[in-house]
Amino acid sequence: LADLYREGRDRGTRRTGQGASVAASRTIR
């Protein structure tokens, strides 16, 4: 169960980071 919660947290962190990167690139363009 700890593994599943950790995996879910890591996926959320990756999505947040990707979203921030996309937003930054759009701002530059």
PDB file of all heavy atoms in Angstrom:
ATOM      1  N   LEU A   1       0.831  -1.207   0.000  1.00  0.00           N
ATOM      2  CA  LEU A   1       0.000   0.000   0.000  1.00  0.00           C
ATOM      3  C   LEU A   1       0.871   1.265   0.000  1.00  0.00           C
ATOM      4  O   LEU A   1       0.561   2.245  -0.687  1.00  0.00           O
ATOM      5  CB  LEU A   1      -0.942   0.002   1.201  1.00  0.00           C
ATOM      6  CG  LEU A   1      -2.010   1.093   1.199  1.00  0.00           C
ATOM      7  CD1 LEU A   1      -2.805   1.076  -0.093  1.00  0.00           C
ATOM      8  CD2 LEU A   1      -2.946   0.935   2.394  1.00  0.00           C
ATOM      9  N   ALA A   2       1.966   1.234   0.748  1.00  0.00           N
ATOM     10  CA  ALA A   2       2.882   2.379   0.753  1.00  0.00           C
ATOM     11  C   ALA A   2       3.464   2.610  -0.644  1.00  0.00           C
ATOM     12  O   ALA A   2       3.614   3.757  -1.090  1.00  0.00           O
ATOM     13  CB  ALA A   2       3.997   2.155   1.766  1.00  0.00           C
ATOM     14  N   ASP A   3       3.776   1.524  -1.353  1.00  0.00           N
ATOM     15  CA  ASP A   3       4.293   1.649  -2.722  1.00  0.00           C
ATOM     16  C   ASP A   3       3.272   2.329  -3.634  1.00  0.00           C
ATOM     17  O   ASP A   3       3.625   3.189  -4.453  1.00  0.00           O
ATOM     18  CB  ASP A   3       4.651   0.274  -3.282  1.00  0.00           C
ATOM     19  CG  ASP A   3       5.952  -0.282  -2.716  1.00  0.00           C
ATOM     20  OD1 ASP A   3       6.704   0.506  -2.102  1.00  0.00           O
ATOM     21  OD2 ASP A   3       6.204  -1.487  -2.884  1.00  0.00           O
ATOM     22  N   LEU A   4       2.004   1.946  -3.518  1.00  0.00           N
ATOM     23  CA  LEU A   4       0.971   2.511  -4.383  1.00  0.00           C
ATOM     24  C   LEU A   4       0.778   4.003  -4.116  1.00  0.00           C
ATOM     25  O   LEU A   4       0.634   4.801  -5.051  1.00  0.00           O
ATOM     26  CB  LEU A   4      -0.346   1.754  -4.182  1.00  0.00           C
ATOM     27  CG  LEU A   4      -0.381   0.356  -4.800  1.00  0.00           C
ATOM     28  CD1 LEU A   4      -1.617  -0.408  -4.325  1.00  0.00           C
ATOM     29  CD2 LEU A   4      -0.370   0.435  -6.316  1.00  0.00           C
ATOM     30  N   TYR A   5       0.774   4.381  -2.838  1.00  0.00           N
ATOM     31  CA  TYR A   5       0.645   5.811  -2.523  1.00  0.00           C
ATOM     32  C   TYR A   5       1.869   6.585  -3.016  1.00  0.00           C
ATOM     33  O   TYR A   5       1.742   7.706  -3.520  1.00  0.00           O
ATOM     34  CB  TYR A   5       0.450   6.015  -1.025  1.00  0.00           C
ATOM     35  CG  TYR A   5      -1.006   5.953  -0.611  1.00  0.00           C
ATOM     36  CD1 TYR A   5      -1.557   4.785  -0.104  1.00  0.00           C
ATOM     37  CD2 TYR A   5      -1.839   7.063  -0.734  1.00  0.00           C
ATOM     38  CE1 TYR A   5      -2.895   4.720   0.260  1.00  0.00           C
ATOM     39  CE2 TYR A   5      -3.176   7.012  -0.368  1.00  0.00           C
ATOM     40  CZ  TYR A   5      -3.694   5.828   0.133  1.00  0.00           C
ATOM     41  OH  TYR A   5      -5.021   5.775   0.483  1.00  0.00           O
ATOM     42  N   ARG A   6       3.045   5.999  -2.867  1.00  0.00           N
ATOM     43  CA  ARG A   6       4.257   6.673  -3.329  1.00  0.00           C
ATOM     44  C   ARG A   6       4.252   6.819  -4.854  1.00  0.00           C
ATOM     45  O   ARG A   6       4.598   7.886  -5.379  1.00  0.00           O
ATOM     46  CB  ARG A   6       5.496   5.902  -2.884  1.00  0.00           C
ATOM     47  CG  ARG A   6       6.809   6.581  -3.286  1.00  0.00           C
ATOM     48  CD  ARG A   6       7.999   5.931  -2.618  1.00  0.00           C
ATOM     49  NE  ARG A   6       8.056   4.504  -2.858  1.00  0.00           N
ATOM     50  CZ  ARG A   6       7.776   3.573  -1.939  1.00  0.00           C
ATOM     51  NH1 ARG A   6       7.422   3.932  -0.718  1.00  0.00           N
ATOM     52  NH2 ARG A   6       7.847   2.285  -2.235  1.00  0.00           N
ATOM     53  N   GLU A   7       3.838   5.789  -5.567  1.00  0.00           N
ATOM     54  CA  GLU A   7       3.762   5.865  -7.019  1.00  0.00           C
ATOM     55  C   GLU A   7       2.763   6.942  -7.456  1.00  0.00           C
ATOM     56  O   GLU A   7       3.002   7.691  -8.401  1.00  0.00           O
ATOM     57  CB  GLU A   7       3.358   4.505  -7.593  1.00  0.00           C
ATOM     58  CG  GLU A   7       4.434   3.454  -7.468  1.00  0.00           C
ATOM     59  CD  GLU A   7       3.922   2.071  -7.838  1.00  0.00           C
ATOM     60  OE1 GLU A   7       2.811   1.985  -8.415  1.00  0.00           O
ATOM     61  OE2 GLU A   7       4.619   1.076  -7.557  1.00  0.00           O
ATOM     62  N   GLY A   8       1.625   6.989  -6.763  1.00  0.00           N
ATOM     63  CA  GLY A   8       0.631   8.010  -7.091  1.00  0.00           C
ATOM     64  C   GLY A   8       1.161   9.409  -6.856  1.00  0.00           C
ATOM     65  O   GLY A   8       0.921  10.328  -7.654  1.00  0.00           O
ATOM     66  N   ARG A   9       1.911   9.600  -5.761  1.00  0.00           N
ATOM     67  CA  ARG A   9       2.499  10.903  -5.464  1.00  0.00           C
ATOM     68  C   ARG A   9       3.542  11.272  -6.516  1.00  0.00           C
ATOM     69  O   ARG A   9       3.603  12.411  -6.978  1.00  0.00           O
ATOM     70  CB  ARG A   9       3.143  10.877  -4.078  1.00  0.00           C
ATOM     71  CG  ARG A   9       3.706  12.240  -3.652  1.00  0.00           C
ATOM     72  CD  ARG A   9       4.370  12.154  -2.298  1.00  0.00           C
ATOM     73  NE  ARG A   9       5.569  11.331  -2.338  1.00  0.00           N
ATOM     74  CZ  ARG A   9       5.717  10.185  -1.679  1.00  0.00           C
ATOM     75  NH1 ARG A   9       4.738   9.714  -0.928  1.00  0.00           N
ATOM     76  NH2 ARG A   9       6.834   9.481  -1.765  1.00  0.00           N
ATOM     77  N   ASP A  10       4.355  10.294  -6.909  1.00  0.00           N
ATOM     78  CA  ASP A  10       5.392  10.572  -7.910  1.00  0.00           C
ATOM     79  C   ASP A  10       4.775  10.933  -9.255  1.00  0.00           C
ATOM     80  O   ASP A  10       5.264  11.836  -9.950  1.00  0.00           O
ATOM     81  CB  ASP A  10       6.315   9.358  -8.062  1.00  0.00           C
ATOM     82  CG  ASP A  10       7.165   9.119  -6.825  1.00  0.00           C
ATOM     83  OD1 ASP A  10       7.251  10.039  -5.985  1.00  0.00           O
ATOM     84  OD2 ASP A  10       7.730   8.009  -6.692  1.00  0.00           O
ATOM     85  N   ARG A  11       3.692  10.248  -9.631  1.00  0.00           N
ATOM     86  CA  ARG A  11       3.030  10.588 -10.896  1.00  0.00           C
ATOM     87  C   ARG A  11       2.479  12.002 -10.850  1.00  0.00           C
ATOM     88  O   ARG A  11       2.562  12.758 -11.814  1.00  0.00           O
ATOM     89  CB  ARG A  11       1.909   9.586 -11.191  1.00  0.00           C
ATOM     90  CG  ARG A  11       2.380   8.245 -11.711  1.00  0.00           C
ATOM     91  CD  ARG A  11       1.239   7.462 -12.306  1.00  0.00           C
ATOM     92  NE  ARG A  11       0.209   7.170 -11.318  1.00  0.00           N
ATOM     93  CZ  ARG A  11       0.202   6.082 -10.552  1.00  0.00           C
ATOM     94  NH1 ARG A  11       1.172   5.181 -10.664  1.00  0.00           N
ATOM     95  NH2 ARG A  11      -0.770   5.879  -9.689  1.00  0.00           N
ATOM     96  N   GLY A  12       1.900  12.367  -9.706  1.00  0.00           N
ATOM     97  CA  GLY A  12       1.368  13.719  -9.560  1.00  0.00           C
ATOM     98  C   GLY A  12       2.460  14.762  -9.645  1.00  0.00           C
ATOM     99  O   GLY A  12       2.287  15.827 -10.257  1.00  0.00           O
ATOM    100  N   THR A  13       3.616  14.455  -9.060  1.00  0.00           N
ATOM    101  CA  THR A  13       4.743  15.396  -9.107  1.00  0.00           C
ATOM    102  C   THR A  13       5.245  15.569 -10.533  1.00  0.00           C
ATOM    103  O   THR A  13       5.543  16.678 -10.975  1.00  0.00           O
ATOM    104  CB  THR A  13       5.889  14.893  -8.207  1.00  0.00           C
ATOM    105  OG1 THR A  13       5.419  14.776  -6.863  1.00  0.00           O
ATOM    106  CG2 THR A  13       7.066  15.848  -8.248  1.00  0.00           C
ATOM    107  N   ARG A  14       5.320  14.451 -11.277  1.00  0.00           N
ATOM    108  CA  ARG A  14       5.774  14.528 -12.665  1.00  0.00           C
ATOM    109  C   ARG A  14       4.810  15.339 -13.518  1.00  0.00           C
ATOM    110  O   ARG A  14       5.207  16.151 -14.342  1.00  0.00           O
ATOM    111  CB  ARG A  14       5.951  13.127 -13.254  1.00  0.00           C
ATOM    112  CG  ARG A  14       7.176  12.394 -12.737  1.00  0.00           C
ATOM    113  CD  ARG A  14       7.507  11.219 -13.628  1.00  0.00           C
ATOM    114  NE  ARG A  14       6.432  10.229 -13.617  1.00  0.00           N
ATOM    115  CZ  ARG A  14       6.347   9.224 -12.749  1.00  0.00           C
ATOM    116  NH1 ARG A  14       7.269   9.088 -11.791  1.00  0.00           N
ATOM    117  NH2 ARG A  14       5.361   8.353 -12.808  1.00  0.00           N
ATOM    118  N   ARG A  15       3.495  15.114 -13.293  1.00  0.00           N
ATOM    119  CA  ARG A  15       2.500  15.866 -14.063  1.00  0.00           C
ATOM    120  C   ARG A  15       2.599  17.358 -13.766  1.00  0.00           C
ATOM    121  O   ARG A  15       2.503  18.195 -14.657  1.00  0.00           O
ATOM    122  CB  ARG A  15       1.091  15.357 -13.750  1.00  0.00           C
ATOM    123  CG  ARG A  15       0.745  14.042 -14.425  1.00  0.00           C
ATOM    124  CD  ARG A  15      -0.742  13.815 -14.399  1.00  0.00           C
ATOM    125  NE  ARG A  15      -1.239  13.715 -13.037  1.00  0.00           N
ATOM    126  CZ  ARG A  15      -1.353  12.578 -12.361  1.00  0.00           C
ATOM    127  NH1 ARG A  15      -0.992  11.434 -12.933  1.00  0.00           N
ATOM    128  NH2 ARG A  15      -1.834  12.560 -11.123  1.00  0.00           N
ATOM    129  N   THR A  16       2.803  17.696 -12.487  1.00  0.00           N
ATOM    130  CA  THR A  16       2.930  19.103 -12.110  1.00  0.00           C
ATOM    131  C   THR A  16       4.151  19.738 -12.769  1.00  0.00           C
ATOM    132  O   THR A  16       4.107  20.848 -13.294  1.00  0.00           O
ATOM    133  CB  THR A  16       3.032  19.234 -10.585  1.00  0.00           C
ATOM    134  OG1 THR A  16       1.858  18.672  -9.988  1.00  0.00           O
ATOM    135  CG2 THR A  16       3.146  20.684 -10.163  1.00  0.00           C
ATOM    136  N   GLY A  17       5.270  19.007 -12.740  1.00  0.00           N
ATOM    137  CA  GLY A  17       6.490  19.511 -13.353  1.00  0.00           C
ATOM    138  C   GLY A  17       6.348  19.675 -14.850  1.00  0.00           C
ATOM    139  O   GLY A  17       6.788  20.671 -15.434  1.00  0.00           O
ATOM    140  N   GLN A  18       5.707  18.689 -15.510  1.00  0.00           N
ATOM    141  CA  GLN A  18       5.512  18.782 -16.955  1.00  0.00           C
ATOM    142  C   GLN A  18       4.598  19.947 -17.308  1.00  0.00           C
ATOM    143  O   GLN A  18       4.801  20.658 -18.278  1.00  0.00           O
ATOM    144  CB  GLN A  18       4.937  17.469 -17.482  1.00  0.00           C
ATOM    145  CG  GLN A  18       5.927  16.315 -17.415  1.00  0.00           C
ATOM    146  CD  GLN A  18       5.257  14.965 -17.631  1.00  0.00           C
ATOM    147  OE1 GLN A  18       4.043  14.895 -17.791  1.00  0.00           O
ATOM    148  NE2 GLN A  18       6.043  13.909 -17.630  1.00  0.00           N
ATOM    149  N   GLY A  19       3.546  20.137 -16.462  1.00  0.00           N
ATOM    150  CA  GLY A  19       2.622  21.238 -16.700  1.00  0.00           C
ATOM    151  C   GLY A  19       3.314  22.577 -16.586  1.00  0.00           C
ATOM    152  O   GLY A  19       3.097  23.489 -17.394  1.00  0.00           O
ATOM    153  N   ALA A  20       4.213  22.709 -15.599  1.00  0.00           N
ATOM    154  CA  ALA A  20       4.953  23.960 -15.432  1.00  0.00           C
ATOM    155  C   ALA A  20       5.884  24.205 -16.614  1.00  0.00           C
ATOM    156  O   ALA A  20       6.032  25.328 -17.096  1.00  0.00           O
ATOM    157  CB  ALA A  20       5.745  23.925 -14.125  1.00  0.00           C
ATOM    158  N   SER A  21       6.516  23.127 -17.116  1.00  0.00           N
ATOM    159  CA  SER A  21       7.428  23.277 -18.251  1.00  0.00           C
ATOM    160  C   SER A  21       6.675  23.699 -19.502  1.00  0.00           C
ATOM    161  O   SER A  21       7.123  24.556 -20.266  1.00  0.00           O
ATOM    162  CB  SER A  21       8.165  21.956 -18.515  1.00  0.00           C
ATOM    163  OG  SER A  21       8.950  21.615 -17.386  1.00  0.00           O
ATOM    164  N   VAL A  22       5.516  23.084 -19.730  1.00  0.00           N
ATOM    165  CA  VAL A  22       4.707  23.436 -20.903  1.00  0.00           C
ATOM    166  C   VAL A  22       4.253  24.882 -20.816  1.00  0.00           C
ATOM    167  O   VAL A  22       4.304  25.634 -21.791  1.00  0.00           O
ATOM    168  CB  VAL A  22       3.499  22.480 -21.021  1.00  0.00           C
ATOM    169  CG1 VAL A  22       2.526  22.992 -22.087  1.00  0.00           C
ATOM    170  CG2 VAL A  22       3.961  21.075 -21.351  1.00  0.00           C
ATOM    171  N   ALA A  23       3.803  25.294 -19.626  1.00  0.00           N
ATOM    172  CA  ALA A  23       3.347  26.671 -19.452  1.00  0.00           C
ATOM    173  C   ALA A  23       4.482  27.657 -19.723  1.00  0.00           C
ATOM    174  O   ALA A  23       4.288  28.698 -20.360  1.00  0.00           O
ATOM    175  CB  ALA A  23       2.801  26.867 -18.035  1.00  0.00           C
ATOM    176  N   ALA A  24       5.695  27.327 -19.235  1.00  0.00           N
ATOM    177  CA  ALA A  24       6.842  28.219 -19.442  1.00  0.00           C
ATOM    178  C   ALA A  24       7.187  28.321 -20.927  1.00  0.00           C
ATOM    179  O   ALA A  24       7.463  29.401 -21.452  1.00  0.00           O
ATOM    180  CB  ALA A  24       8.041  27.717 -18.643  1.00  0.00           C
ATOM    181  N   SER A  25       7.163  27.176 -21.636  1.00  0.00           N
ATOM    182  CA  SER A  25       7.506  27.190 -23.055  1.00  0.00           C
ATOM    183  C   SER A  25       6.484  27.969 -23.860  1.00  0.00           C
ATOM    184  O   SER A  25       6.826  28.667 -24.813  1.00  0.00           O
ATOM    185  CB  SER A  25       7.615  25.760 -23.590  1.00  0.00           C
ATOM    186  OG  SER A  25       6.353  25.109 -23.525  1.00  0.00           O
ATOM    187  N   ARG A  26       5.213  27.855 -23.464  1.00  0.00           N
ATOM    188  CA  ARG A  26       4.178  28.615 -24.173  1.00  0.00           C
ATOM    189  C   ARG A  26       4.368  30.113 -23.957  1.00  0.00           C
ATOM    190  O   ARG A  26       4.153  30.920 -24.859  1.00  0.00           O
ATOM    191  CB  ARG A  26       2.795  28.183 -23.679  1.00  0.00           C
ATOM    192  CG  ARG A  26       2.372  26.814 -24.201  1.00  0.00           C
ATOM    193  CD  ARG A  26       1.053  26.389 -23.579  1.00  0.00           C
ATOM    194  NE  ARG A  26       0.634  25.102 -24.118  1.00  0.00           N
ATOM    195  CZ  ARG A  26      -0.379  24.398 -23.620  1.00  0.00           C
ATOM    196  NH1 ARG A  26      -1.063  24.870 -22.580  1.00  0.00           N
ATOM    197  NH2 ARG A  26      -0.715  23.251 -24.159  1.00  0.00           N
ATOM    198  N   THR A  27       4.776  30.482 -22.751  1.00  0.00           N
ATOM    199  CA  THR A  27       5.004  31.900 -22.457  1.00  0.00           C
ATOM    200  C   THR A  27       6.122  32.446 -23.339  1.00  0.00           C
ATOM    201  O   THR A  27       6.048  33.549 -23.885  1.00  0.00           O
ATOM    202  CB  THR A  27       5.366  32.085 -20.974  1.00  0.00           C
ATOM    203  OG1 THR A  27       4.283  31.625 -20.179  1.00  0.00           O
ATOM    204  CG2 THR A  27       5.625  33.557 -20.659  1.00  0.00           C
ATOM    205  N   ILE A  28       7.184  31.654 -23.511  1.00  0.00           N
ATOM    206  CA  ILE A  28       8.321  32.084 -24.327  1.00  0.00           C
ATOM    207  C   ILE A  28       7.903  32.246 -25.787  1.00  0.00           C
ATOM    208  O   ILE A  28       8.241  33.214 -26.455  1.00  0.00           O
ATOM    209  CB  ILE A  28       9.484  31.073 -24.209  1.00  0.00           C
ATOM    210  CG1 ILE A  28      10.068  31.143 -22.801  1.00  0.00           C
ATOM    211  CG2 ILE A  28      10.549  31.338 -25.266  1.00  0.00           C
ATOM    212  CD1 ILE A  28      11.091  30.066 -22.523  1.00  0.00           C
ATOM    213  N   ARG A  29       7.088  31.260 -26.285  1.00  0.00           N
ATOM    214  CA  ARG A  29       6.675  31.340 -27.684  1.00  0.00           C
ATOM    215  C   ARG A  29       5.743  32.515 -27.937  1.00  0.00           C
ATOM    216  O   ARG A  29       5.761  33.124 -28.996  1.00  0.00           O
ATOM    217  CB  ARG A  29       5.992  30.031 -28.089  1.00  0.00           C
ATOM    218  CG  ARG A  29       6.942  28.866 -28.281  1.00  0.00           C
ATOM    219  CD  ARG A  29       6.267  27.755 -29.043  1.00  0.00           C
ATOM    220  NE  ARG A  29       5.125  27.212 -28.301  1.00  0.00           N
ATOM    221  CZ  ARG A  29       5.202  26.183 -27.460  1.00  0.00           C
ATOM    222  NH1 ARG A  29       6.380  25.620 -27.227  1.00  0.00           N
ATOM    223  NH2 ARG A  29       4.137  25.743 -26.855  1.00  0.00           N
TER     224      ARG A  29
END
